[in-house]
Amino acid sequence: MNEFAAKVYDWIARIPAGRVATYGQLAALAGKPRAARLVGHLVSVSPRNLSCHRVVRADGSLPPDDVFPLPGLQRHLLLDEGVTFDMNGRVKIKEYLWRPDLETKK
């Protein structure tokens, strides 16, 4: 595993239950702000014990169902954590976006 992948997986592991992060946000946190697509690839090949269901697109939409082993799994896992969706099936990103910069100031 390369250094960027290790950083991405470390950041994903920090996302608390009931919160989401975006691909672009994780790319920036890991030091490559223009690598959102690479983060998407890393999510698709991630270790099973990582909470990748908490990673969504910038508009709150979910990736295609084939990213997870079962259709609808990501949505189900997020709902179990209390995350809600708008009428278009997108995570209410303003409400649930994880802000690690705010958490470290507590």
PDB file of N, CA and C in Angstrom:
ATOM      1  N   MET A   1       0.846  -1.180   0.000  1.00  0.00           N
ATOM      2  CA  MET A   1       0.000   0.000   0.000  1.00  0.00           C
ATOM      3  C   MET A   1       0.893   1.246   0.000  1.00  0.00           C
ATOM      4  N   ASN A   2       0.572   2.209  -0.864  1.00  0.00           N
ATOM      5  CA  ASN A   2       1.391   3.416  -0.908  1.00  0.00           C
ATOM      6  C   ASN A   2       0.987   4.404   0.196  1.00  0.00           C
ATOM      7  N   GLU A   3       1.775   5.451   0.332  1.00  0.00           N
ATOM      8  CA  GLU A   3       1.566   6.411   1.420  1.00  0.00           C
ATOM      9  C   GLU A   3       0.217   7.128   1.307  1.00  0.00           C
ATOM     10  N   PHE A   4      -0.164   7.508   0.093  1.00  0.00           N
ATOM     11  CA  PHE A   4      -1.444   8.194  -0.088  1.00  0.00           C
ATOM     12  C   PHE A   4      -2.602   7.293   0.319  1.00  0.00           C
ATOM     13  N   ALA A   5      -2.587   6.047  -0.124  1.00  0.00           N
ATOM     14  CA  ALA A   5      -3.655   5.098   0.235  1.00  0.00           C
ATOM     15  C   ALA A   5      -3.723   4.924   1.746  1.00  0.00           C
ATOM     16  N   ALA A   6      -2.578   4.803   2.391  1.00  0.00           N
ATOM     17  CA  ALA A   6      -2.550   4.642   3.846  1.00  0.00           C
ATOM     18  C   ALA A   6      -3.177   5.853   4.537  1.00  0.00           C
ATOM     19  N   LYS A   7      -2.881   7.048   4.035  1.00  0.00           N
ATOM     20  CA  LYS A   7      -3.462   8.262   4.624  1.00  0.00           C
ATOM     21  C   LYS A   7      -4.975   8.296   4.425  1.00  0.00           C
ATOM     22  N   VAL A   8      -5.424   7.942   3.217  1.00  0.00           N
ATOM     23  CA  VAL A   8      -6.864   7.929   2.940  1.00  0.00           C
ATOM     24  C   VAL A   8      -7.567   6.961   3.878  1.00  0.00           C
ATOM     25  N   TYR A   9      -7.035   5.749   3.999  1.00  0.00           N
ATOM     26  CA  TYR A   9      -7.665   4.752   4.867  1.00  0.00           C
ATOM     27  C   TYR A   9      -7.646   5.193   6.329  1.00  0.00           C
ATOM     28  N   ASP A  10      -6.586   5.880   6.735  1.00  0.00           N
ATOM     29  CA  ASP A  10      -6.524   6.397   8.105  1.00  0.00           C
ATOM     30  C   ASP A  10      -7.621   7.438   8.333  1.00  0.00           C
ATOM     31  N   TRP A  11      -7.820   8.331   7.379  1.00  0.00           N
ATOM     32  CA  TRP A  11      -8.871   9.340   7.514  1.00  0.00           C
ATOM     33  C   TRP A  11     -10.249   8.703   7.508  1.00  0.00           C
ATOM     34  N   ILE A  12     -10.466   7.712   6.642  1.00  0.00           N
ATOM     35  CA  ILE A  12     -11.764   7.031   6.610  1.00  0.00           C
ATOM     36  C   ILE A  12     -12.057   6.393   7.966  1.00  0.00           C
ATOM     37  N   ALA A  13     -11.046   5.796   8.570  1.00  0.00           N
ATOM     38  CA  ALA A  13     -11.228   5.142   9.870  1.00  0.00           C
ATOM     39  C   ALA A  13     -11.630   6.137  10.959  1.00  0.00           C
ATOM     40  N   ARG A  14     -11.325   7.400  10.770  1.00  0.00           N
ATOM     41  CA  ARG A  14     -11.646   8.430  11.768  1.00  0.00           C
ATOM     42  C   ARG A  14     -13.062   8.993  11.647  1.00  0.00           C
ATOM     43  N   ILE A  15     -13.733   8.762  10.521  1.00  0.00           N
ATOM     44  CA  ILE A  15     -15.072   9.332  10.333  1.00  0.00           C
ATOM     45  C   ILE A  15     -16.007   8.703  11.362  1.00  0.00           C
ATOM     46  N   PRO A  16     -16.611   9.506  12.218  1.00  0.00           N
ATOM     47  CA  PRO A  16     -17.483   8.932  13.255  1.00  0.00           C
ATOM     48  C   PRO A  16     -18.814   8.443  12.688  1.00  0.00           C
ATOM     49  N   ALA A  17     -19.413   7.516  13.382  1.00  0.00           N
ATOM     50  CA  ALA A  17     -20.744   7.032  13.007  1.00  0.00           C
ATOM     51  C   ALA A  17     -21.698   8.217  12.958  1.00  0.00           C
ATOM     52  N   GLY A  18     -22.588   8.208  11.969  1.00  0.00           N
ATOM     53  CA  GLY A  18     -23.549   9.284  11.836  1.00  0.00           C
ATOM     54  C   GLY A  18     -23.030  10.496  11.092  1.00  0.00           C
ATOM     55  N   ARG A  19     -21.827  10.400  10.553  1.00  0.00           N
ATOM     56  CA  ARG A  19     -21.218  11.479   9.769  1.00  0.00           C
ATOM     57  C   ARG A  19     -20.734  10.903   8.443  1.00  0.00           C
ATOM     58  N   VAL A  20     -20.546  11.786   7.455  1.00  0.00           N
ATOM     59  CA  VAL A  20     -20.008  11.366   6.165  1.00  0.00           C
ATOM     60  C   VAL A  20     -18.876  12.299   5.768  1.00  0.00           C
ATOM     61  N   ALA A  21     -18.036  11.824   4.865  1.00  0.00           N
ATOM     62  CA  ALA A  21     -16.990  12.636   4.251  1.00  0.00           C
ATOM     63  C   ALA A  21     -17.106  12.448   2.746  1.00  0.00           C
ATOM     64  N   THR A  22     -16.595  13.404   1.994  1.00  0.00           N
ATOM     65  CA  THR A  22     -16.645  13.290   0.539  1.00  0.00           C
ATOM     66  C   THR A  22     -15.305  12.791   0.007  1.00  0.00           C
ATOM     67  N   TYR A  23     -15.352  12.291  -1.220  1.00  0.00           N
ATOM     68  CA  TYR A  23     -14.128  11.821  -1.866  1.00  0.00           C
ATOM     69  C   TYR A  23     -13.107  12.953  -1.957  1.00  0.00           C
ATOM     70  N   GLY A  24     -13.556  14.125  -2.369  1.00  0.00           N
ATOM     71  CA  GLY A  24     -12.655  15.266  -2.483  1.00  0.00           C
ATOM     72  C   GLY A  24     -12.099  15.721  -1.150  1.00  0.00           C
ATOM     73  N   GLN A  25     -12.928  15.687  -0.141  1.00  0.00           N
ATOM     74  CA  GLN A  25     -12.494  16.059   1.206  1.00  0.00           C
ATOM     75  C   GLN A  25     -11.380  15.124   1.673  1.00  0.00           C
ATOM     76  N   LEU A  26     -11.566  13.830   1.475  1.00  0.00           N
ATOM     77  CA  LEU A  26     -10.547  12.861   1.888  1.00  0.00           C
ATOM     78  C   LEU A  26      -9.269  13.023   1.079  1.00  0.00           C
ATOM     79  N   ALA A  27      -9.405  13.315  -0.207  1.00  0.00           N
ATOM     80  CA  ALA A  27      -8.222  13.544  -1.039  1.00  0.00           C
ATOM     81  C   ALA A  27      -7.418  14.722  -0.494  1.00  0.00           C
ATOM     82  N   ALA A  28      -8.107  15.803  -0.152  1.00  0.00           N
ATOM     83  CA  ALA A  28      -7.430  16.981   0.395  1.00  0.00           C
ATOM     84  C   ALA A  28      -6.786  16.682   1.745  1.00  0.00           C
ATOM     85  N   LEU A  29      -7.504  15.991   2.605  1.00  0.00           N
ATOM     86  CA  LEU A  29      -6.952  15.646   3.920  1.00  0.00           C
ATOM     87  C   LEU A  29      -5.706  14.776   3.797  1.00  0.00           C
ATOM     88  N   ALA A  30      -5.678  13.926   2.766  1.00  0.00           N
ATOM     89  CA  ALA A  30      -4.538  13.029   2.556  1.00  0.00           C
ATOM     90  C   ALA A  30      -3.413  13.690   1.762  1.00  0.00           C
ATOM     91  N   GLY A  31      -3.597  14.958   1.394  1.00  0.00           N
ATOM     92  CA  GLY A  31      -2.515  15.698   0.756  1.00  0.00           C
ATOM     93  C   GLY A  31      -2.567  15.826  -0.754  1.00  0.00           C
ATOM     94  N   LYS A  32      -3.628  15.326  -1.395  1.00  0.00           N
ATOM     95  CA  LYS A  32      -3.757  15.442  -2.852  1.00  0.00           C
ATOM     96  C   LYS A  32      -5.170  15.904  -3.195  1.00  0.00           C
ATOM     97  N   PRO A  33      -5.422  17.214  -3.082  1.00  0.00           N
ATOM     98  CA  PRO A  33      -6.782  17.721  -3.240  1.00  0.00           C
ATOM     99  C   PRO A  33      -7.436  17.453  -4.593  1.00  0.00           C
ATOM    100  N   ARG A  34      -6.669  17.120  -5.601  1.00  0.00           N
ATOM    101  CA  ARG A  34      -7.234  16.853  -6.927  1.00  0.00           C
ATOM    102  C   ARG A  34      -7.381  15.354  -7.200  1.00  0.00           C
ATOM    103  N   ALA A  35      -7.302  14.535  -6.184  1.00  0.00           N
ATOM    104  CA  ALA A  35      -7.308  13.077  -6.370  1.00  0.00           C
ATOM    105  C   ALA A  35      -8.591  12.407  -5.890  1.00  0.00           C
ATOM    106  N   ALA A  36      -9.731  13.075  -6.040  1.00  0.00           N
ATOM    107  CA  ALA A  36     -10.999  12.499  -5.578  1.00  0.00           C
ATOM    108  C   ALA A  36     -11.298  11.170  -6.267  1.00  0.00           C
ATOM    109  N   ARG A  37     -10.998  11.068  -7.558  1.00  0.00           N
ATOM    110  CA  ARG A  37     -11.261   9.809  -8.276  1.00  0.00           C
ATOM    111  C   ARG A  37     -10.384   8.678  -7.755  1.00  0.00           C
ATOM    112  N   LEU A  38      -9.164   9.005  -7.396  1.00  0.00           N
ATOM    113  CA  LEU A  38      -8.285   7.988  -6.817  1.00  0.00           C
ATOM    114  C   LEU A  38      -8.843   7.521  -5.475  1.00  0.00           C
ATOM    115  N   VAL A  39      -9.384   8.427  -4.700  1.00  0.00           N
ATOM    116  CA  VAL A  39     -10.027   8.044  -3.437  1.00  0.00           C
ATOM    117  C   VAL A  39     -11.194   7.107  -3.729  1.00  0.00           C
ATOM    118  N   GLY A  40     -11.961   7.406  -4.767  1.00  0.00           N
ATOM    119  CA  GLY A  40     -13.058   6.520  -5.159  1.00  0.00           C
ATOM    120  C   GLY A  40     -12.573   5.120  -5.466  1.00  0.00           C
ATOM    121  N   HIS A  41     -11.464   5.026  -6.169  1.00  0.00           N
ATOM    122  CA  HIS A  41     -10.892   3.704  -6.457  1.00  0.00           C
ATOM    123  C   HIS A  41     -10.460   3.020  -5.162  1.00  0.00           C
ATOM    124  N   LEU A  42      -9.804   3.758  -4.287  1.00  0.00           N
ATOM    125  CA  LEU A  42      -9.345   3.169  -3.023  1.00  0.00           C
ATOM    126  C   LEU A  42     -10.517   2.667  -2.188  1.00  0.00           C
ATOM    127  N   VAL A  43     -11.622   3.394  -2.214  1.00  0.00           N
ATOM    128  CA  VAL A  43     -12.822   2.938  -1.503  1.00  0.00           C
ATOM    129  C   VAL A  43     -13.303   1.619  -2.093  1.00  0.00           C
ATOM    130  N   SER A  44     -13.277   1.510  -3.414  1.00  0.00           N
ATOM    131  CA  SER A  44     -13.791   0.294  -4.066  1.00  0.00           C
ATOM    132  C   SER A  44     -12.936  -0.939  -3.800  1.00  0.00           C
ATOM    133  N   VAL A  45     -11.685  -0.748  -3.412  1.00  0.00           N
ATOM    134  CA  VAL A  45     -10.797  -1.892  -3.139  1.00  0.00           C
ATOM    135  C   VAL A  45     -10.352  -1.921  -1.675  1.00  0.00           C
ATOM    136  N   SER A  46     -11.081  -1.229  -0.819  1.00  0.00           N
ATOM    137  CA  SER A  46     -10.674  -1.078   0.582  1.00  0.00           C
ATOM    138  C   SER A  46     -10.848  -2.361   1.383  1.00  0.00           C
ATOM    139  N   PRO A  47     -10.133  -2.444   2.511  1.00  0.00           N
ATOM    140  CA  PRO A  47     -10.331  -3.580   3.417  1.00  0.00           C
ATOM    141  C   PRO A  47     -11.779  -3.615   3.916  1.00  0.00           C
ATOM    142  N   ARG A  48     -12.323  -4.780   4.095  1.00  0.00           N
ATOM    143  CA  ARG A  48     -13.733  -4.950   4.490  1.00  0.00           C
ATOM    144  C   ARG A  48     -14.063  -4.324   5.851  1.00  0.00           C
ATOM    145  N   ASN A  49     -13.092  -4.230   6.735  1.00  0.00           N
ATOM    146  CA  ASN A  49     -13.379  -3.723   8.081  1.00  0.00           C
ATOM    147  C   ASN A  49     -13.378  -2.196   8.160  1.00  0.00           C
ATOM    148  N   LEU A  50     -13.192  -1.532   7.046  1.00  0.00           N
ATOM    149  CA  LEU A  50     -13.156  -0.074   7.014  1.00  0.00           C
ATOM    150  C   LEU A  50     -14.561   0.467   6.737  1.00  0.00           C
ATOM    151  N   SER A  51     -14.938   1.529   7.390  1.00  0.00           N
ATOM    152  CA  SER A  51     -16.295   2.082   7.269  1.00  0.00           C
ATOM    153  C   SER A  51     -16.436   2.984   6.043  1.00  0.00           C
ATOM    154  N   CYS A  52     -16.209   2.420   4.871  1.00  0.00           N
ATOM    155  CA  CYS A  52     -16.270   3.194   3.627  1.00  0.00           C
ATOM    156  C   CYS A  52     -17.683   3.615   3.262  1.00  0.00           C
ATOM    157  N   HIS A  53     -18.675   3.061   3.934  1.00  0.00           N
ATOM    158  CA  HIS A  53     -20.050   3.494   3.659  1.00  0.00           C
ATOM    159  C   HIS A  53     -20.256   4.952   4.050  1.00  0.00           C
ATOM    160  N   ARG A  54     -19.334   5.513   4.802  1.00  0.00           N
ATOM    161  CA  ARG A  54     -19.440   6.908   5.230  1.00  0.00           C
ATOM    162  C   ARG A  54     -18.836   7.884   4.220  1.00  0.00           C
ATOM    163  N   VAL A  55     -18.412   7.384   3.070  1.00  0.00           N
ATOM    164  CA  VAL A  55     -17.829   8.232   2.027  1.00  0.00           C
ATOM    165  C   VAL A  55     -18.853   8.406   0.907  1.00  0.00           C
ATOM    166  N   VAL A  56     -19.154   9.661   0.589  1.00  0.00           N
ATOM    167  CA  VAL A  56     -20.173   9.980  -0.418  1.00  0.00           C
ATOM    168  C   VAL A  56     -19.622  11.017  -1.400  1.00  0.00           C
ATOM    169  N   ARG A  57     -20.384  11.265  -2.441  1.00  0.00           N
ATOM    170  CA  ARG A  57     -20.014  12.303  -3.406  1.00  0.00           C
ATOM    171  C   ARG A  57     -20.254  13.682  -2.799  1.00  0.00           C
ATOM    172  N   ALA A  58     -19.663  14.701  -3.409  1.00  0.00           N
ATOM    173  CA  ALA A  58     -19.750  16.072  -2.884  1.00  0.00           C
ATOM    174  C   ALA A  58     -21.182  16.579  -2.775  1.00  0.00           C
ATOM    175  N   ASP A  59     -22.068  16.080  -3.635  1.00  0.00           N
ATOM    176  CA  ASP A  59     -23.467  16.518  -3.581  1.00  0.00           C
ATOM    177  C   ASP A  59     -24.320  15.656  -2.656  1.00  0.00           C
ATOM    178  N   GLY A  60     -23.683  14.723  -1.964  1.00  0.00           N
ATOM    179  CA  GLY A  60     -24.398  13.849  -1.037  1.00  0.00           C
ATOM    180  C   GLY A  60     -24.933  12.582  -1.664  1.00  0.00           C
ATOM    181  N   SER A  61     -24.764  12.441  -2.971  1.00  0.00           N
ATOM    182  CA  SER A  61     -25.255  11.224  -3.624  1.00  0.00           C
ATOM    183  C   SER A  61     -24.315  10.056  -3.337  1.00  0.00           C
ATOM    184  N   LEU A  62     -24.858   8.870  -3.467  1.00  0.00           N
ATOM    185  CA  LEU A  62     -24.100   7.656  -3.205  1.00  0.00           C
ATOM    186  C   LEU A  62     -23.509   7.130  -4.509  1.00  0.00           C
ATOM    187  N   PRO A  63     -22.396   6.414  -4.425  1.00  0.00           N
ATOM    188  CA  PRO A  63     -21.819   5.821  -5.635  1.00  0.00           C
ATOM    189  C   PRO A  63     -22.711   4.689  -6.138  1.00  0.00           C
ATOM    190  N   PRO A  64     -22.421   4.165  -7.321  1.00  0.00           N
ATOM    191  CA  PRO A  64     -23.215   3.037  -7.831  1.00  0.00           C
ATOM    192  C   PRO A  64     -23.205   1.861  -6.855  1.00  0.00           C
ATOM    193  N   ASP A  65     -24.277   1.090  -6.878  1.00  0.00           N
ATOM    194  CA  ASP A  65     -24.410  -0.046  -5.955  1.00  0.00           C
ATOM    195  C   ASP A  65     -23.288  -1.066  -6.069  1.00  0.00           C
ATOM    196  N   ASP A  66     -22.601  -1.136  -7.212  1.00  0.00           N
ATOM    197  CA  ASP A  66     -21.569  -2.165  -7.370  1.00  0.00           C
ATOM    198  C   ASP A  66     -20.309  -1.893  -6.555  1.00  0.00           C
ATOM    199  N   VAL A  67     -20.234  -0.745  -5.898  1.00  0.00           N
ATOM    200  CA  VAL A  67     -19.091  -0.447  -5.030  1.00  0.00           C
ATOM    201  C   VAL A  67     -19.157  -1.295  -3.757  1.00  0.00           C
ATOM    202  N   PHE A  68     -20.367  -1.643  -3.348  1.00  0.00           N
ATOM    203  CA  PHE A  68     -20.569  -2.442  -2.144  1.00  0.00           C
ATOM    204  C   PHE A  68     -21.081  -3.825  -2.521  1.00  0.00           C
ATOM    205  N   PRO A  69     -20.873  -4.815  -1.658  1.00  0.00           N
ATOM    206  CA  PRO A  69     -21.230  -6.198  -2.012  1.00  0.00           C
ATOM    207  C   PRO A  69     -22.720  -6.441  -2.242  1.00  0.00           C
ATOM    208  N   LEU A  70     -23.587  -5.622  -1.651  1.00  0.00           N
ATOM    209  CA  LEU A  70     -25.034  -5.797  -1.814  1.00  0.00           C
ATOM    210  C   LEU A  70     -25.670  -4.477  -2.242  1.00  0.00           C
ATOM    211  N   PRO A  71     -26.608  -4.501  -3.193  1.00  0.00           N
ATOM    212  CA  PRO A  71     -27.295  -3.269  -3.591  1.00  0.00           C
ATOM    213  C   PRO A  71     -27.998  -2.624  -2.391  1.00  0.00           C
ATOM    214  N   GLY A  72     -27.850  -1.323  -2.256  1.00  0.00           N
ATOM    215  CA  GLY A  72     -28.509  -0.597  -1.170  1.00  0.00           C
ATOM    216  C   GLY A  72     -27.812  -0.691   0.173  1.00  0.00           C
ATOM    217  N   LEU A  73     -26.694  -1.414   0.243  1.00  0.00           N
ATOM    218  CA  LEU A  73     -26.017  -1.615   1.529  1.00  0.00           C
ATOM    219  C   LEU A  73     -25.539  -0.297   2.132  1.00  0.00           C
ATOM    220  N   GLN A  74     -24.924   0.560   1.337  1.00  0.00           N
ATOM    221  CA  GLN A  74     -24.411   1.817   1.873  1.00  0.00           C
ATOM    222  C   GLN A  74     -25.541   2.648   2.480  1.00  0.00           C
ATOM    223  N   ARG A  75     -26.633   2.777   1.762  1.00  0.00           N
ATOM    224  CA  ARG A  75     -27.783   3.541   2.261  1.00  0.00           C
ATOM    225  C   ARG A  75     -28.303   2.939   3.568  1.00  0.00           C
ATOM    226  N   HIS A  76     -28.426   1.633   3.606  1.00  0.00           N
ATOM    227  CA  HIS A  76     -28.913   0.941   4.801  1.00  0.00           C
ATOM    228  C   HIS A  76     -27.995   1.204   6.004  1.00  0.00           C
ATOM    229  N   LEU A  77     -26.690   1.092   5.799  1.00  0.00           N
ATOM    230  CA  LEU A  77     -25.738   1.313   6.892  1.00  0.00           C
ATOM    231  C   LEU A  77     -25.799   2.754   7.394  1.00  0.00           C
ATOM    232  N   LEU A  78     -25.919   3.704   6.475  1.00  0.00           N
ATOM    233  CA  LEU A  78     -26.020   5.110   6.883  1.00  0.00           C
ATOM    234  C   LEU A  78     -27.318   5.375   7.642  1.00  0.00           C
ATOM    235  N   LEU A  79     -28.411   4.816   7.167  1.00  0.00           N
ATOM    236  CA  LEU A  79     -29.684   4.971   7.880  1.00  0.00           C
ATOM    237  C   LEU A  79     -29.594   4.400   9.290  1.00  0.00           C
ATOM    238  N   ASP A  80     -28.923   3.253   9.436  1.00  0.00           N
ATOM    239  CA  ASP A  80     -28.741   2.647  10.763  1.00  0.00           C
ATOM    240  C   ASP A  80     -27.973   3.566  11.711  1.00  0.00           C
ATOM    241  N   GLU A  81     -27.128   4.434  11.151  1.00  0.00           N
ATOM    242  CA  GLU A  81     -26.345   5.366  11.971  1.00  0.00           C
ATOM    243  C   GLU A  81     -27.075   6.693  12.194  1.00  0.00           C
ATOM    244  N   GLY A  82     -28.300   6.796  11.677  1.00  0.00           N
ATOM    245  CA  GLY A  82     -29.087   8.005  11.879  1.00  0.00           C
ATOM    246  C   GLY A  82     -28.951   9.056  10.798  1.00  0.00           C
ATOM    247  N   VAL A  83     -28.216   8.753   9.734  1.00  0.00           N
ATOM    248  CA  VAL A  83     -28.055   9.693   8.626  1.00  0.00           C
ATOM    249  C   VAL A  83     -29.341   9.685   7.802  1.00  0.00           C
ATOM    250  N   THR A  84     -29.831  10.868   7.465  1.00  0.00           N
ATOM    251  CA  THR A  84     -31.056  10.953   6.667  1.00  0.00           C
ATOM    252  C   THR A  84     -30.747  11.467   5.261  1.00  0.00           C
ATOM    253  N   PHE A  85     -31.711  11.258   4.380  1.00  0.00           N
ATOM    254  CA  PHE A  85     -31.555  11.593   2.967  1.00  0.00           C
ATOM    255  C   PHE A  85     -32.641  12.575   2.545  1.00  0.00           C
ATOM    256  N   ASP A  86     -32.351  13.351   1.501  1.00  0.00           N
ATOM    257  CA  ASP A  86     -33.361  14.268   0.979  1.00  0.00           C
ATOM    258  C   ASP A  86     -34.280  13.538  -0.001  1.00  0.00           C
ATOM    259  N   MET A  87     -35.188  14.266  -0.623  1.00  0.00           N
ATOM    260  CA  MET A  87     -36.164  13.659  -1.530  1.00  0.00           C
ATOM    261  C   MET A  87     -35.511  13.024  -2.761  1.00  0.00           C
ATOM    262  N   ASN A  88     -34.296  13.440  -3.085  1.00  0.00           N
ATOM    263  CA  ASN A  88     -33.579  12.898  -4.241  1.00  0.00           C
ATOM    264  C   ASN A  88     -32.666  11.736  -3.872  1.00  0.00           C
ATOM    265  N   GLY A  89     -32.731  11.289  -2.627  1.00  0.00           N
ATOM    266  CA  GLY A  89     -31.914  10.165  -2.191  1.00  0.00           C
ATOM    267  C   GLY A  89     -30.484  10.525  -1.852  1.00  0.00           C
ATOM    268  N   ARG A  90     -30.234  11.806  -1.636  1.00  0.00           N
ATOM    269  CA  ARG A  90     -28.886  12.259  -1.285  1.00  0.00           C
ATOM    270  C   ARG A  90     -28.789  12.504   0.216  1.00  0.00           C
ATOM    271  N   VAL A  91     -27.604  12.229   0.756  1.00  0.00           N
ATOM    272  CA  VAL A  91     -27.344  12.555   2.158  1.00  0.00           C
ATOM    273  C   VAL A  91     -27.482  14.067   2.314  1.00  0.00           C
ATOM    274  N   LYS A  92     -28.082  14.485   3.400  1.00  0.00           N
ATOM    275  CA  LYS A  92     -28.184  15.919   3.696  1.00  0.00           C
ATOM    276  C   LYS A  92     -26.797  16.386   4.134  1.00  0.00           C
ATOM    277  N   ILE A  93     -25.985  16.711   3.142  1.00  0.00           N
ATOM    278  CA  ILE A  93     -24.557  16.937   3.340  1.00  0.00           C
ATOM    279  C   ILE A  93     -24.269  18.068   4.332  1.00  0.00           C
ATOM    280  N   LYS A  94     -25.052  19.132   4.314  1.00  0.00           N
ATOM    281  CA  LYS A  94     -24.809  20.240   5.251  1.00  0.00           C
ATOM    282  C   LYS A  94     -25.013  19.806   6.696  1.00  0.00           C
ATOM    283  N   GLU A  95     -25.854  18.829   6.889  1.00  0.00           N
ATOM    284  CA  GLU A  95     -26.165  18.351   8.237  1.00  0.00           C
ATOM    285  C   GLU A  95     -25.195  17.270   8.722  1.00  0.00           C
ATOM    286  N   TYR A  96     -24.722  16.433   7.817  1.00  0.00           N
ATOM    287  CA  TYR A  96     -23.966  15.253   8.232  1.00  0.00           C
ATOM    288  C   TYR A  96     -22.490  15.250   7.842  1.00  0.00           C
ATOM    289  N   LEU A  97     -22.022  16.290   7.149  1.00  0.00           N
ATOM    290  CA  LEU A  97     -20.620  16.320   6.738  1.00  0.00           C
ATOM    291  C   LEU A  97     -19.714  16.376   7.961  1.00  0.00           C
ATOM    292  N   TRP A  98     -18.749  15.484   7.995  1.00  0.00           N
ATOM    293  CA  TRP A  98     -17.770  15.441   9.083  1.00  0.00           C
ATOM    294  C   TRP A  98     -16.791  16.586   8.916  1.00  0.00           C
ATOM    295  N   ARG A  99     -16.528  17.283   9.990  1.00  0.00           N
ATOM    296  CA  ARG A  99     -15.593  18.405   9.983  1.00  0.00           C
ATOM    297  C   ARG A  99     -14.482  18.129  10.994  1.00  0.00           C
ATOM    298  N   PRO A 100     -13.445  17.412  10.586  1.00  0.00           N
ATOM    299  CA  PRO A 100     -12.379  17.076  11.540  1.00  0.00           C
ATOM    300  C   PRO A 100     -11.689  18.308  12.113  1.00  0.00           C
ATOM    301  N   ASP A 101     -11.661  19.411  11.355  1.00  0.00           N
ATOM    302  CA  ASP A 101     -11.033  20.631  11.860  1.00  0.00           C
ATOM    303  C   ASP A 101     -11.779  21.189  13.067  1.00  0.00           C
ATOM    304  N   LEU A 102     -13.084  21.014  13.109  1.00  0.00           N
ATOM    305  CA  LEU A 102     -13.868  21.482  14.258  1.00  0.00           C
ATOM    306  C   LEU A 102     -13.739  20.545  15.447  1.00  0.00           C
ATOM    307  N   GLU A 103     -13.633  19.253  15.178  1.00  0.00           N
ATOM    308  CA  GLU A 103     -13.522  18.277  16.268  1.00  0.00           C
ATOM    309  C   GLU A 103     -12.209  18.404  17.015  1.00  0.00           C
ATOM    310  N   THR A 104     -11.130  18.764  16.323  1.00  0.00           N
ATOM    311  CA  THR A 104      -9.836  18.863  16.989  1.00  0.00           C
ATOM    312  C   THR A 104      -9.744  20.098  17.873  1.00  0.00           C
ATOM    313  N   LYS A 105     -10.660  21.052  17.669  1.00  0.00           N
ATOM    314  CA  LYS A 105     -10.644  22.275  18.478  1.00  0.00           C
ATOM    315  C   LYS A 105     -11.458  22.145  19.750  1.00  0.00           C
ATOM    316  N   LYS A 106     -12.135  21.025  19.926  1.00  0.00           N
ATOM    317  CA  LYS A 106     -12.963  20.828  21.129  1.00  0.00           C
ATOM    318  C   LYS A 106     -12.111  20.617  22.356  1.00  0.00           C
TER     319      LYS A 106
END
